[in-house]
C-alpha atoms as a PDB file:
ATOM      1  CA  MET A   1       0.174  -0.374   0.257  1.00  0.00           C
ATOM      2  CA  PHE A   2       2.371   2.080   0.894  1.00  0.00           C
ATOM      3  CA  SER A   3       4.905   1.806  -1.603  1.00  0.00           C
ATOM      4  CA  VAL A   4       1.893   2.438  -4.565  1.00  0.00           C
ATOM      5  CA  LEU A   5       0.963   5.519  -2.148  1.00  0.00           C
ATOM      6  CA  HIS A   6       4.497   7.012  -2.489  1.00  0.00           C
ATOM      7  CA  ALA A   7       4.895   5.867  -5.867  1.00  0.00           C
ATOM      8  CA  ARG A   8       1.589   8.681  -6.682  1.00  0.00           C
ATOM      9  CA  VAL A   9       2.018  11.476  -4.444  1.00  0.00           C
ATOM     10  CA  CYS A  10       5.964  11.528  -6.149  1.00  0.00           C
ATOM     11  CA  ALA A  11       3.899  12.033  -9.499  1.00  0.00           C
ATOM     12  CA  HIS A  12       1.219  14.162  -8.443  1.00  0.00           C
ATOM     13  CA  ALA A  13       3.716  16.283  -6.432  1.00  0.00           C
ATOM     14  CA  HIS A  14       6.021  16.612  -9.608  1.00  0.00           C
ATOM     15  CA  ALA A  15       3.428  17.174 -12.061  1.00  0.00           C
ATOM     16  CA  HIS A  16       1.676  20.166  -9.549  1.00  0.00           C
ATOM     17  CA  ALA A  17       4.535  21.415  -7.876  1.00  0.00           C
ATOM     18  CA  HIS A  18       3.183  25.339  -6.749  1.00  0.00           C
ATOM     19  CA  SER A  19      -0.109  23.665  -6.091  1.00  0.00           C
ATOM     20  CA  PRO A  20      -2.797  24.429  -3.218  1.00  0.00           C
ATOM     21  CA  ALA A  21      -4.547  21.577  -3.738  1.00  0.00           C
ATOM     22  CA  LEU A  22      -1.132  19.176  -3.615  1.00  0.00           C
ATOM     23  CA  THR A  23      -0.397  20.553  -0.331  1.00  0.00           C
ATOM     24  CA  VAL A  24      -3.881  19.107   0.899  1.00  0.00           C
ATOM     25  CA  HIS A  25      -3.612  15.907  -0.715  1.00  0.00           C
ATOM     26  CA  LEU A  26       0.672  15.886   0.781  1.00  0.00           C
ATOM     27  CA  CYS A  27      -1.582  16.529   4.056  1.00  0.00           C
ATOM     28  CA  CYS A  28      -4.471  13.552   3.283  1.00  0.00           C
ATOM     29  CA  ALA A  29      -1.803  10.572   2.293  1.00  0.00           C
ATOM     30  CA  ARG A  30       0.868  11.682   5.632  1.00  0.00           C
ATOM     31  CA  ARG A  31      -2.410   9.774   7.885  1.00  0.00           C
ATOM     32  CA  TYR A  32      -1.323   6.642   5.296  1.00  0.00           C
ATOM     33  CA  LEU A  33       2.617   6.710   6.660  1.00  0.00           C
ATOM     34  CA  PRO A  34       2.902   3.383   9.399  1.00  0.00           C
ATOM     35  CA  ILE A  35       4.717   6.222  11.757  1.00  0.00           C
ATOM     36  CA  PHE A  36       1.092   8.629  11.473  1.00  0.00           C
ATOM     37  CA  LYS A  37      -0.156   6.406  14.421  1.00  0.00           C
ATOM     38  CA  GLU A  38       2.281   7.295  16.491  1.00  0.00           C
ATOM     39  CA  ARG A  39       2.537  10.330  16.043  1.00  0.00           C
ATOM     40  CA  GLN A  40       1.817  12.008  19.568  1.00  0.00           C
ATOM     41  CA  ASN A  41       3.373   9.197  21.395  1.00  0.00           C
ATOM     42  CA  LEU A  42       6.888   9.700  19.768  1.00  0.00           C
ATOM     43  CA  LEU A  43       6.476  14.073  20.602  1.00  0.00           C
ATOM     44  CA  LYS A  44       5.049  12.704  24.067  1.00  0.00           C
ATOM     45  CA  VAL A  45       8.783  11.234  24.298  1.00  0.00           C
ATOM     46  CA  VAL A  46      11.029  13.490  22.710  1.00  0.00           C
ATOM     47  CA  ARG A  47       9.572  16.313  24.888  1.00  0.00           C
ATOM     48  CA  GLU A  48      10.021  14.187  28.565  1.00  0.00           C
ATOM     49  CA  ASN A  49      13.689  12.430  26.864  1.00  0.00           C
ATOM     50  CA  SER A  50      16.851  14.601  25.643  1.00  0.00           C
ATOM     51  CA  VAL A  51      17.880  11.367  23.347  1.00  0.00           C
ATOM     52  CA  VAL A  52      16.033   9.255  21.654  1.00  0.00           C
ATOM     53  CA  VAL A  53      16.902   6.668  18.918  1.00  0.00           C
ATOM     54  CA  ILE A  54      13.953   6.092  16.244  1.00  0.00           C
ATOM     55  CA  VAL A  55      14.275   2.296  14.925  1.00  0.00           C
ATOM     56  CA  GLY A  56      11.709   1.319  11.984  1.00  0.00           C
ATOM     57  CA  GLU A  57      10.976   0.461   8.476  1.00  0.00           C
ATOM     58  CA  THR A  58      11.748   1.563   5.591  1.00  0.00           C
ATOM     59  CA  GLY A  59       9.788   3.826   4.890  1.00  0.00           C
ATOM     60  CA  SER A  60       8.127   4.179   7.492  1.00  0.00           C
ATOM     61  CA  GLY A  61       8.621   8.196   7.592  1.00  0.00           C
ATOM     62  CA  LYS A  62      10.874   8.257  10.365  1.00  0.00           C
ATOM     63  CA  THR A  63      13.354  10.525   8.204  1.00  0.00           C
ATOM     64  CA  THR A  64      10.586  12.797   6.805  1.00  0.00           C
ATOM     65  CA  GLN A  65       7.356  12.757   8.769  1.00  0.00           C
ATOM     66  CA  LEU A  66       9.336  12.769  12.407  1.00  0.00           C
ATOM     67  CA  THR A  67      11.606  16.194  11.435  1.00  0.00           C
ATOM     68  CA  GLN A  68       8.102  17.272  10.499  1.00  0.00           C
ATOM     69  CA  TYR A  69       6.521  16.352  13.649  1.00  0.00           C
ATOM     70  CA  LEU A  70       9.055  18.094  15.516  1.00  0.00           C
ATOM     71  CA  HIS A  71       8.335  21.309  13.747  1.00  0.00           C
ATOM     72  CA  GLU A  72       4.726  21.225  13.736  1.00  0.00           C
ATOM     73  CA  ASP A  73       5.050  20.761  17.760  1.00  0.00           C
ATOM     74  CA  GLY A  74       7.470  23.900  18.074  1.00  0.00           C
ATOM     75  CA  CYS A  75      10.039  21.071  19.499  1.00  0.00           C
ATOM     76  CA  VAL A  76      12.328  22.231  16.367  1.00  0.00           C
ATOM     77  CA  ALA A  77      14.526  25.487  17.899  1.00  0.00           C
ATOM     78  CA  ALA A  78      17.770  26.909  17.601  1.00  0.00           C
ATOM     79  CA  ALA A  79      19.743  25.091  20.387  1.00  0.00           C
ATOM     80  CA  HIS A  80      17.793  21.348  19.296  1.00  0.00           C
ATOM     81  CA  ALA A  81      19.040  19.195  16.890  1.00  0.00           C
ATOM     82  CA  VAL A  82      17.232  16.987  14.675  1.00  0.00           C
END
């Protein structure tokens, strides 16, 4: 499911790079990534610990989504490393 969705999102993103509709489409697509269901738990763990190691399968969203979650939650600041 993820690889098909990912391919569709990438193709759509390439074709509509500056489209407002793309933003809505990507937000919806993000909900299908394996990491999404753990978003709140991950943010809680990051807030409560100075060091967190995330382990997950390739394509689960560790690199792309977790950093976005941290940014959206306000965890990323000049003094923090991600």
